[in-house]
N, C-alpha and C. Protein backbone atom coordinates (compact mmCIF):
# COMPACT_ATOMS: atom_id res chain seq x y z
N MET A 1 31.72 44.99 -107.01
CA MET A 1 31.96 44.47 -105.93
C MET A 1 33.02 43.30 -105.83
N PHE A 2 32.95 41.95 -105.03
CA PHE A 2 33.82 40.67 -105.36
C PHE A 2 33.30 40.36 -106.34
N THR A 3 33.67 40.43 -107.42
CA THR A 3 33.54 39.73 -108.84
C THR A 3 33.96 38.53 -109.04
N SER A 4 35.32 38.18 -108.25
CA SER A 4 36.61 37.48 -108.58
C SER A 4 36.18 35.92 -107.14
N ILE A 5 35.14 36.51 -106.65
CA ILE A 5 35.62 34.96 -105.26
C ILE A 5 33.86 34.70 -105.56
N SER A 6 34.54 33.18 -106.15
CA SER A 6 32.73 32.14 -106.14
C SER A 6 31.95 32.20 -104.52
N TRP A 7 30.61 31.54 -105.07
CA TRP A 7 29.68 31.15 -103.89
C TRP A 7 30.82 29.75 -103.07
N GLN A 8 31.16 29.07 -104.00
CA GLN A 8 32.15 27.74 -103.14
C GLN A 8 33.26 28.26 -102.38
N GLN A 9 34.02 29.44 -103.39
CA GLN A 9 35.27 30.06 -102.21
C GLN A 9 34.68 30.27 -101.07
N TYR A 10 33.50 31.20 -101.01
CA TYR A 10 32.96 32.05 -99.94
C TYR A 10 32.50 30.97 -98.97
N LEU A 11 31.71 30.49 -99.48
CA LEU A 11 31.18 29.12 -98.32
C LEU A 11 32.25 28.16 -97.83
N GLN A 12 33.47 28.00 -98.73
CA GLN A 12 34.37 27.20 -97.71
C GLN A 12 35.28 27.87 -96.89
N ALA A 13 35.59 29.53 -96.98
CA ALA A 13 36.27 30.25 -96.01
C ALA A 13 35.18 30.15 -95.18
N ILE A 14 34.10 30.33 -95.02
CA ILE A 14 33.30 30.57 -94.35
C ILE A 14 33.25 29.22 -93.09
N ALA A 15 33.36 27.79 -93.71
CA ALA A 15 33.14 27.13 -93.05
C ALA A 15 34.81 27.08 -92.46
N ILE A 16 35.81 27.53 -92.97
CA ILE A 16 37.44 26.82 -92.50
C ILE A 16 36.82 28.20 -91.25
N LEU A 17 36.75 29.70 -91.52
CA LEU A 17 36.66 30.61 -90.53
C LEU A 17 36.11 29.56 -89.08
N THR A 18 34.78 29.33 -89.21
CA THR A 18 33.89 29.03 -88.25
C THR A 18 34.25 27.32 -87.56
N SER A 19 34.87 26.37 -88.65
CA SER A 19 35.65 25.66 -87.33
C SER A 19 36.83 26.05 -86.52
N ALA A 20 37.74 27.12 -87.01
CA ALA A 20 38.93 27.55 -86.14
C ALA A 20 38.13 28.36 -85.38
N TYR A 21 37.40 29.11 -85.20
CA TYR A 21 36.81 29.60 -84.28
C TYR A 21 36.31 28.51 -82.83
N TYR A 22 35.25 27.52 -83.49
CA TYR A 22 35.18 26.81 -82.04
C TYR A 22 35.91 25.69 -81.88
N THR A 23 37.27 25.75 -82.41
CA THR A 23 38.29 24.87 -82.11
C THR A 23 39.25 25.77 -80.77
N ALA A 24 39.32 26.73 -81.48
CA ALA A 24 40.05 28.10 -80.52
C ALA A 24 38.96 28.04 -79.00
N VAL A 25 37.31 28.09 -78.98
CA VAL A 25 36.84 28.44 -78.22
C VAL A 25 37.30 27.09 -77.17
N ILE A 26 36.86 25.78 -78.06
CA ILE A 26 37.22 24.42 -77.41
C ILE A 26 38.07 24.48 -76.51
N LEU A 27 39.77 24.61 -76.94
CA LEU A 27 40.75 24.58 -76.41
C LEU A 27 41.14 25.56 -75.90
N LEU A 28 40.26 26.99 -75.64
CA LEU A 28 40.51 27.53 -74.28
C LEU A 28 39.51 27.20 -73.25
N TYR A 29 38.34 26.99 -73.42
CA TYR A 29 36.95 27.20 -72.24
C TYR A 29 37.17 25.76 -71.83
N PHE A 30 37.41 24.49 -72.62
CA PHE A 30 37.23 23.00 -72.20
C PHE A 30 38.91 22.29 -72.29
N ARG A 31 39.45 23.14 -71.74
CA ARG A 31 40.70 22.75 -72.00
C ARG A 31 41.30 21.24 -70.83
N VAL A 32 40.81 21.52 -69.70
CA VAL A 32 41.51 20.92 -68.73
C VAL A 32 40.20 19.51 -68.83
N GLU A 33 38.82 19.80 -69.33
CA GLU A 33 38.37 18.32 -69.66
C GLU A 33 38.76 17.33 -70.93
N LEU A 34 39.18 18.46 -71.89
CA LEU A 34 39.42 17.67 -73.32
C LEU A 34 41.11 17.22 -72.90
N PHE A 35 41.74 17.59 -71.84
CA PHE A 35 42.87 16.92 -71.63
C PHE A 35 42.75 15.58 -70.61
N ALA A 36 42.08 15.40 -69.97
CA ALA A 36 41.50 14.46 -68.88
C ALA A 36 40.72 13.41 -69.49
N ILE A 37 39.90 13.87 -70.88
CA ILE A 37 39.13 12.91 -71.72
C ILE A 37 40.58 12.06 -72.46
N LEU A 38 41.14 12.52 -73.28
CA LEU A 38 42.76 12.57 -73.79
C LEU A 38 43.40 11.31 -72.86
N HIS A 39 43.60 11.83 -72.04
CA HIS A 39 44.31 11.05 -70.97
C HIS A 39 44.28 9.60 -70.68
N ARG A 40 43.02 10.17 -70.48
CA ARG A 40 42.28 8.50 -69.95
C ARG A 40 42.10 7.39 -71.57
N ILE A 41 41.33 8.11 -72.84
CA ILE A 41 41.94 7.73 -73.61
C ILE A 41 43.00 6.71 -73.97
N LYS A 42 44.07 7.23 -73.48
CA LYS A 42 45.20 7.31 -74.07
C LYS A 42 46.34 5.92 -73.11
N ASN A 43 45.64 6.13 -71.77
CA ASN A 43 45.56 4.99 -70.98
C ASN A 43 44.85 3.51 -71.18
N GLY A 44 43.74 3.62 -72.11
CA GLY A 44 42.94 2.62 -72.50
C GLY A 44 41.92 2.30 -71.44
N LYS A 45 41.31 3.43 -71.00
CA LYS A 45 40.19 3.23 -70.15
C LYS A 45 38.84 4.18 -70.42
N PRO A 46 37.99 3.59 -70.85
CA PRO A 46 36.92 4.17 -71.23
C PRO A 46 36.36 5.20 -70.58
N PHE A 47 36.02 6.32 -71.40
CA PHE A 47 35.36 7.34 -70.85
C PHE A 47 34.54 7.51 -69.80
N HIS A 48 33.45 6.79 -70.34
CA HIS A 48 32.06 6.41 -69.46
C HIS A 48 32.29 5.97 -68.17
N GLU A 49 33.22 5.54 -67.84
CA GLU A 49 33.65 4.92 -66.16
C GLU A 49 33.60 6.08 -65.58
N SER A 50 34.22 7.36 -65.47
CA SER A 50 34.70 8.45 -64.64
C SER A 50 33.14 8.94 -64.31
N HIS A 51 32.07 8.94 -65.31
CA HIS A 51 31.36 9.60 -64.97
C HIS A 51 29.96 8.50 -64.63
N SER A 52 30.13 7.09 -64.16
CA SER A 52 29.56 6.47 -63.36
C SER A 52 29.59 6.68 -62.18
N GLN A 53 30.23 7.13 -61.46
CA GLN A 53 30.03 7.57 -60.08
C GLN A 53 28.86 8.69 -60.07
N LYS A 54 27.96 8.55 -59.08
CA LYS A 54 26.99 9.34 -58.66
C LYS A 54 27.91 10.67 -57.84
N LYS A 55 27.42 11.55 -58.39
CA LYS A 55 28.11 12.74 -57.45
C LYS A 55 26.95 13.33 -56.62
N GLU A 56 26.66 13.73 -55.27
CA GLU A 56 25.66 13.69 -54.80
C GLU A 56 25.92 15.66 -54.71
N VAL A 57 24.98 16.40 -55.20
CA VAL A 57 25.47 17.51 -55.42
C VAL A 57 24.42 18.21 -53.70
N LEU A 58 23.50 17.62 -53.13
CA LEU A 58 23.07 18.36 -52.15
C LEU A 58 22.83 17.45 -51.33
N GLY A 59 23.91 16.49 -51.02
CA GLY A 59 24.02 15.45 -49.84
C GLY A 59 22.70 14.09 -50.04
N THR A 60 23.10 13.35 -48.88
CA THR A 60 22.19 12.59 -48.80
C THR A 60 20.36 12.85 -47.97
N ILE A 61 19.61 11.92 -48.75
CA ILE A 61 17.86 12.68 -48.13
C ILE A 61 17.94 11.98 -46.58
N ALA A 62 17.68 12.77 -45.40
CA ALA A 62 17.19 12.59 -44.66
C ALA A 62 15.77 12.15 -43.99
N GLN A 63 15.92 10.96 -43.45
CA GLN A 63 14.29 10.01 -43.19
C GLN A 63 13.85 11.20 -42.24
N ASP A 64 12.25 11.68 -42.59
CA ASP A 64 11.77 12.00 -41.04
C ASP A 64 11.97 11.61 -39.80
N GLN A 65 11.93 11.97 -38.45
CA GLN A 65 11.79 11.45 -37.16
C GLN A 65 10.26 11.43 -37.18
N HIS A 66 9.61 12.48 -37.40
CA HIS A 66 8.21 12.40 -37.36
C HIS A 66 6.67 12.03 -38.19
N GLU A 67 7.77 11.16 -39.12
CA GLU A 67 7.03 10.29 -40.14
C GLU A 67 5.64 9.40 -39.88
N HIS A 68 4.49 9.93 -40.32
CA HIS A 68 3.32 8.70 -40.15
C HIS A 68 2.96 8.23 -41.19
N SER A 69 2.16 6.99 -41.02
CA SER A 69 1.73 6.57 -42.07
C SER A 69 0.30 6.03 -41.62
N PHE A 70 -0.69 6.03 -42.18
CA PHE A 70 -1.77 5.54 -42.23
C PHE A 70 -2.38 4.36 -42.92
N ASN A 71 -2.99 3.58 -42.53
CA ASN A 71 -3.46 2.35 -43.36
C ASN A 71 -5.59 3.49 -43.89
N ALA A 72 -5.86 2.12 -45.09
CA ALA A 72 -7.15 2.99 -45.54
C ALA A 72 -7.78 2.87 -44.36
N GLU A 73 -7.94 2.12 -43.40
CA GLU A 73 -9.14 1.60 -42.73
C GLU A 73 -9.14 3.17 -41.87
N GLU A 74 -7.85 3.48 -41.33
CA GLU A 74 -7.77 4.62 -40.40
C GLU A 74 -8.31 6.03 -41.14
N LEU A 75 -8.64 5.94 -41.98
CA LEU A 75 -8.15 7.21 -42.45
C LEU A 75 -10.56 7.69 -42.28
N GLU A 76 -10.76 8.58 -42.13
CA GLU A 76 -12.02 9.14 -42.08
C GLU A 76 -12.38 9.93 -42.59
N PHE A 77 -13.96 9.97 -43.96
CA PHE A 77 -14.15 11.20 -44.49
C PHE A 77 -15.80 11.53 -44.15
N SER A 78 -15.74 12.51 -44.59
CA SER A 78 -17.19 13.37 -43.63
C SER A 78 -18.30 12.48 -45.14
N SER A 79 -19.24 12.11 -44.10
CA SER A 79 -20.22 11.61 -45.30
C SER A 79 -21.29 12.79 -45.93
N ARG A 80 -21.24 13.76 -45.43
CA ARG A 80 -22.05 15.01 -46.02
C ARG A 80 -21.93 15.25 -46.93
N GLU A 81 -22.65 16.04 -47.73
CA GLU A 81 -22.42 16.31 -49.20
C GLU A 81 -21.76 18.14 -48.77
N PRO A 82 -20.77 18.75 -49.63
CA PRO A 82 -20.37 19.88 -49.23
C PRO A 82 -20.79 20.97 -48.86
N ASN A 83 -22.42 21.10 -49.64
CA ASN A 83 -23.11 22.21 -49.39
C ASN A 83 -23.76 22.56 -47.63
N GLN A 84 -23.87 21.45 -47.18
CA GLN A 84 -23.94 20.97 -45.89
C GLN A 84 -23.35 21.81 -44.91
N LEU A 85 -21.73 21.25 -44.87
CA LEU A 85 -20.77 21.75 -44.80
C LEU A 85 -20.32 23.48 -44.42
N ILE A 86 -20.90 23.95 -45.58
CA ILE A 86 -20.91 25.33 -45.78
C ILE A 86 -21.60 26.01 -45.08
N ASP A 87 -22.93 25.51 -44.72
CA ASP A 87 -24.17 26.34 -44.71
C ASP A 87 -24.00 26.07 -42.60
N GLU A 88 -23.46 24.96 -42.51
CA GLU A 88 -22.97 25.22 -40.68
C GLU A 88 -21.88 25.70 -40.17
N THR A 89 -20.66 25.96 -41.46
CA THR A 89 -19.84 26.84 -40.69
C THR A 89 -20.42 28.14 -40.64
N HIS A 90 -21.64 28.89 -41.18
CA HIS A 90 -22.21 30.22 -41.44
C HIS A 90 -22.64 30.27 -40.33
């Protein structure tokens, strides 16, 4: 087999190939975002400023026109036991 290649050389080759692969993927798929980040750094603006604005994906929350609220005194609860209620319904 490969007796002339040491483990250190093998691992170095794997590290170089892996880093080249991920560099290519980043440049191909995230090219626009990468250039935007580099452009902001070149102009002296921090990167986090562009992401500080909240983007509303679904829009604003509409308030319910028929919303009702009750005070604790207005709530009524039954004083009967649960078994008594079942017997009365049958």
